[in-house]
Amino acid sequence: MDATAADWITAGFIAVLAIFTLALAVVTGRYVEQTRLMVDEMRATREESRLARELSVLPKLAIDMETIAGMFMGLKLTNVGQGPALELQLTITFEPVEGGSLPPDVRPWRAKVLARDEWLRFVPPRDQQGELLDVPFLGQAYRTITVKGRMHDALGHEHEVDERVDDLAGLHEMTSGAMVLVEKDHVRDELRELRKSFDKAVKRLFRARRKAQEPEESEFEQEKWW
């Protein structure tokens, strides 16, 4: 074999090797890119799972005003979140109006747990004689209620609490009709219980009537009606 043929064979071998190397580089690059995409997707899925888990146990406190016995308007604290609130350390403050005669009513409050949908009601401040302020005077003496502090969720994460109710006087005017609704709830519950009792009595009367009309029924049939 002469030198020219050997040179051609060598050059061909080098060319094939170069093409093979290039193809291998392309395949490796695609593999690396696919691996990176898979890692990014797994990371995003893991992050979504973490956020979903945190949201599933996230507590959320909400405050509102609610009438007590139709005379007083107290603070209602409700956990409206998805999970229990743990290790609550809160400060409830009734801030007086400017130039008012009553001082701020500051109440530190601690609790181990406030379950989901659980609520607590706090009585209004007292006047200078130690009597609870009723609905009209509460809005005249105090303008704002704040609830501040911190709590933990079931995963041990700490959350800040900063809730407030402004313009108590205006809130009373807007919710004055709700006072009647609160009282009506008790009547509705009593009517519901009376209806249940009435339905039970009607069923018993119907069964007794059927039993009297069909005395020949077997013991099994009588038990079936009862």
Protein backbone atom coordinates (compact mmCIF):
# COMPACT_ATOMS: atom_id res chain seq x y z
CA MET A 1 0.00 0.00 0.00
CA ASP A 2 1.50 3.30 -1.04
CA ALA A 3 1.67 6.41 1.13
CA THR A 4 -1.22 8.11 -0.66
CA ALA A 5 -3.67 5.29 0.10
CA ALA A 6 -2.56 5.17 3.72
CA ASP A 7 -3.07 8.89 4.02
CA TRP A 8 -6.59 8.56 2.60
CA ILE A 9 -7.42 5.75 5.05
CA THR A 10 -6.07 7.75 7.97
CA ALA A 11 -7.96 10.85 6.93
CA GLY A 12 -11.18 8.83 6.56
CA PHE A 13 -10.72 7.27 9.96
CA ILE A 14 -10.15 10.68 11.52
CA ALA A 15 -13.24 12.06 9.80
CA VAL A 16 -15.40 9.16 11.02
CA LEU A 17 -13.99 9.58 14.51
CA ALA A 18 -14.74 13.30 14.42
CA ILE A 19 -18.32 12.69 13.28
CA PHE A 20 -18.78 10.05 15.95
CA THR A 21 -17.35 12.41 18.59
CA LEU A 22 -19.65 15.21 17.43
CA ALA A 23 -22.69 12.92 17.54
CA LEU A 24 -21.71 11.73 21.00
CA ALA A 25 -21.35 15.34 22.12
CA VAL A 26 -24.81 16.17 20.75
CA VAL A 27 -26.39 13.16 22.46
CA THR A 28 -24.60 13.95 25.71
CA GLY A 29 -25.77 17.55 25.51
CA ARG A 30 -29.38 16.47 24.96
CA TYR A 31 -29.07 14.04 27.85
CA VAL A 32 -27.69 16.77 30.10
CA GLU A 33 -30.50 19.11 29.05
CA GLN A 34 -33.16 16.46 29.70
CA THR A 35 -31.59 15.69 33.06
CA ARG A 36 -31.61 19.39 33.96
CA LEU A 37 -35.27 19.70 32.96
CA MET A 38 -36.14 16.65 35.05
CA VAL A 39 -34.27 18.05 38.04
CA ASP A 40 -36.02 21.42 37.64
CA GLU A 41 -39.39 19.69 37.38
CA MET A 42 -38.70 17.57 40.45
CA ARG A 43 -37.57 20.66 42.33
CA ALA A 44 -40.72 22.54 41.29
CA THR A 45 -42.91 19.57 42.27
CA ARG A 46 -41.17 19.31 45.61
CA GLU A 47 -41.64 23.04 46.18
CA GLU A 48 -45.32 22.82 45.27
CA SER A 49 -45.75 19.89 47.65
CA ARG A 50 -44.03 21.84 50.41
CA LEU A 51 -46.24 24.88 49.85
CA ALA A 52 -49.36 22.71 49.70
CA ARG A 53 -48.38 21.02 52.95
CA GLU A 54 -47.75 24.36 54.63
CA LEU A 55 -51.04 25.79 53.37
CA SER A 56 -52.91 22.72 54.58
CA VAL A 57 -51.91 23.48 58.19
CA LEU A 58 -51.76 27.27 57.98
CA PRO A 59 -53.78 28.99 60.72
CA LYS A 60 -55.41 32.35 60.15
CA LEU A 61 -56.98 34.50 62.85
CA ALA A 62 -59.88 36.81 62.10
CA ILE A 63 -61.55 39.24 64.47
CA ASP A 64 -65.04 40.64 64.42
CA MET A 65 -67.54 42.20 66.77
CA GLU A 66 -70.50 40.22 68.05
CA THR A 67 -73.28 41.11 70.42
CA ILE A 68 -73.50 39.38 73.79
CA ALA A 69 -76.97 38.99 75.31
CA GLY A 70 -78.22 41.78 73.04
CA MET A 71 -76.60 44.44 75.23
CA PHE A 72 -72.83 44.20 74.88
CA MET A 73 -70.60 44.02 71.83
CA GLY A 74 -67.61 41.78 72.44
CA LEU A 75 -64.60 40.82 70.38
CA LYS A 76 -64.85 37.49 68.56
CA LEU A 77 -61.57 35.80 67.66
CA THR A 78 -61.87 32.94 65.15
CA ASN A 79 -59.34 30.63 63.56
CA VAL A 80 -60.51 30.64 59.95
CA GLY A 81 -57.38 28.94 58.63
CA GLN A 82 -56.81 25.37 57.49
CA GLY A 83 -54.95 24.18 60.59
CA PRO A 84 -54.76 24.77 64.33
CA ALA A 85 -52.97 27.77 65.78
CA LEU A 86 -50.43 26.70 68.39
CA GLU A 87 -48.54 28.54 71.12
CA LEU A 88 -50.48 31.76 70.70
CA GLN A 89 -49.00 34.85 72.32
CA LEU A 90 -51.28 37.78 71.62
CA THR A 91 -51.99 41.23 72.96
CA ILE A 92 -55.54 42.55 72.60
CA THR A 93 -55.78 46.33 72.82
CA PHE A 94 -58.89 48.51 72.92
CA GLU A 95 -57.64 51.95 71.88
CA PRO A 96 -59.73 54.84 73.26
CA VAL A 97 -60.90 57.84 71.26
CA GLU A 98 -58.88 61.01 71.47
CA GLY A 99 -59.74 63.01 74.55
CA GLY A 100 -61.70 60.14 76.07
CA SER A 101 -61.93 59.53 79.78
CA LEU A 102 -61.06 55.83 79.66
CA PRO A 103 -57.49 54.50 79.32
CA PRO A 104 -56.38 51.89 76.78
CA ASP A 105 -57.52 48.39 77.66
CA VAL A 106 -54.51 46.14 77.06
CA ARG A 107 -54.94 42.39 77.57
CA PRO A 108 -52.09 39.91 77.08
CA TRP A 109 -53.54 36.55 76.11
CA ARG A 110 -51.82 33.19 75.84
CA ALA A 111 -53.13 29.83 74.67
CA LYS A 112 -51.66 26.47 73.73
CA VAL A 113 -54.02 25.80 70.85
CA LEU A 114 -56.92 27.30 68.94
CA ALA A 115 -58.36 24.62 66.67
CA ARG A 116 -59.64 25.15 63.16
CA ASP A 117 -63.02 26.97 63.15
CA GLU A 118 -62.77 27.40 66.92
CA TRP A 119 -63.65 30.82 68.25
CA LEU A 120 -63.45 32.75 71.49
CA ARG A 121 -65.37 35.78 72.66
CA PHE A 122 -63.85 38.53 74.79
CA VAL A 123 -66.00 40.87 76.86
CA PRO A 124 -65.80 44.62 76.20
CA PRO A 125 -63.87 46.99 78.47
CA ARG A 126 -65.33 48.29 81.71
CA ASP A 127 -66.19 51.84 82.64
CA GLN A 128 -64.85 53.75 85.62
CA GLN A 129 -67.41 52.06 87.88
CA GLY A 130 -66.27 48.61 86.78
CA GLU A 131 -69.34 47.89 84.66
CA LEU A 132 -69.09 46.43 81.18
CA LEU A 133 -69.61 49.02 78.46
CA ASP A 134 -72.82 48.38 76.57
CA VAL A 135 -73.18 48.78 72.82
CA PRO A 136 -73.68 52.57 72.44
CA PHE A 137 -70.99 53.58 74.93
CA LEU A 138 -68.36 51.19 73.58
CA GLY A 139 -68.23 53.05 70.26
CA GLN A 140 -68.15 56.38 72.07
CA ALA A 141 -65.25 55.41 74.35
CA TYR A 142 -63.09 53.28 72.03
CA ARG A 143 -62.29 53.67 68.34
CA THR A 144 -60.04 50.71 67.44
CA ILE A 145 -59.29 47.17 68.53
CA THR A 146 -55.98 45.55 67.63
CA VAL A 147 -54.80 41.97 68.05
CA LYS A 148 -51.05 41.56 67.63
CA GLY A 149 -48.56 38.85 68.45
CA ARG A 150 -47.42 35.54 67.06
CA MET A 151 -48.47 31.92 66.73
CA HIS A 152 -47.16 28.66 65.29
CA ASP A 153 -48.59 26.15 62.87
CA ALA A 154 -48.51 22.36 63.13
CA LEU A 155 -45.16 22.28 61.32
CA GLY A 156 -43.55 24.56 63.88
CA HIS A 157 -43.39 27.65 61.66
CA GLU A 158 -43.99 30.97 63.36
CA HIS A 159 -46.56 33.43 61.98
CA GLU A 160 -47.16 37.05 62.84
CA VAL A 161 -50.63 38.17 63.92
CA ASP A 162 -51.72 41.73 63.16
CA GLU A 163 -55.48 42.21 62.99
CA ARG A 164 -57.58 45.25 63.74
CA VAL A 165 -61.12 46.59 63.80
CA ASP A 166 -61.47 50.31 63.13
CA ASP A 167 -64.28 52.78 63.76
CA LEU A 168 -66.25 50.92 66.42
CA ALA A 169 -68.94 53.58 66.41
CA GLY A 170 -69.52 53.17 62.66
CA LEU A 171 -69.34 49.40 62.98
CA HIS A 172 -72.12 49.46 65.55
CA GLU A 173 -74.31 51.45 63.19
CA MET A 174 -73.68 49.00 60.34
CA THR A 175 -74.22 45.90 62.49
CA SER A 176 -77.12 47.12 64.60
CA GLY A 177 -79.49 45.00 62.51
CA ALA A 178 -77.28 41.97 63.09
CA MET A 179 -78.13 42.14 66.79
CA VAL A 180 -81.61 40.91 65.99
CA LEU A 181 -80.22 38.14 63.81
CA VAL A 182 -78.06 36.90 66.63
CA GLU A 183 -81.05 36.72 68.92
CA LYS A 184 -83.11 35.01 66.22
CA ASP A 185 -80.57 32.23 65.94
CA HIS A 186 -81.60 30.95 69.37
CA VAL A 187 -85.27 30.98 68.40
CA ARG A 188 -84.47 29.14 65.18
CA ASP A 189 -82.59 26.47 67.08
CA GLU A 190 -85.47 26.01 69.51
CA LEU A 191 -87.96 25.77 66.64
CA ARG A 192 -85.79 23.18 64.97
CA GLU A 193 -85.75 21.06 68.13
CA LEU A 194 -89.51 21.43 68.52
CA ARG A 195 -90.01 20.34 64.92
CA LYS A 196 -87.87 17.25 65.48
CA SER A 197 -89.91 16.35 68.55
CA PHE A 198 -93.15 16.92 66.64
CA ASP A 199 -91.99 14.73 63.75
CA LYS A 200 -91.10 11.94 66.16
CA ALA A 201 -94.54 12.19 67.82
CA VAL A 202 -96.30 12.05 64.42
CA LYS A 203 -94.32 8.96 63.43
CA ARG A 204 -95.20 7.22 66.69
CA LEU A 205 -98.87 8.10 66.26
CA PHE A 206 -98.86 6.78 62.69
CA ARG A 207 -97.25 3.52 63.76
CA ALA A 208 -99.71 3.09 66.63
CA ARG A 209 -102.61 3.69 64.24
CA ARG A 210 -101.33 1.12 61.78
CA LYS A 211 -100.86 -1.36 64.58
CA ALA A 212 -104.46 -0.82 65.75
CA GLN A 213 -105.83 -1.20 62.22
CA GLU A 214 -103.95 -4.45 61.57
CA PRO A 215 -104.09 -6.52 64.76
CA GLU A 216 -103.50 -9.72 62.83
CA GLU A 217 -99.97 -8.72 61.87
CA SER A 218 -97.25 -11.00 63.07
CA GLU A 219 -94.78 -9.98 65.71
CA PHE A 220 -92.18 -9.56 63.00
CA GLU A 221 -94.35 -7.14 61.03
CA GLN A 222 -95.12 -5.13 64.16
CA GLU A 223 -91.47 -4.78 64.95
CA LYS A 224 -90.85 -3.67 61.38
CA TRP A 225 -93.27 -0.74 61.79
CA TRP A 226 -91.55 0.29 65.05
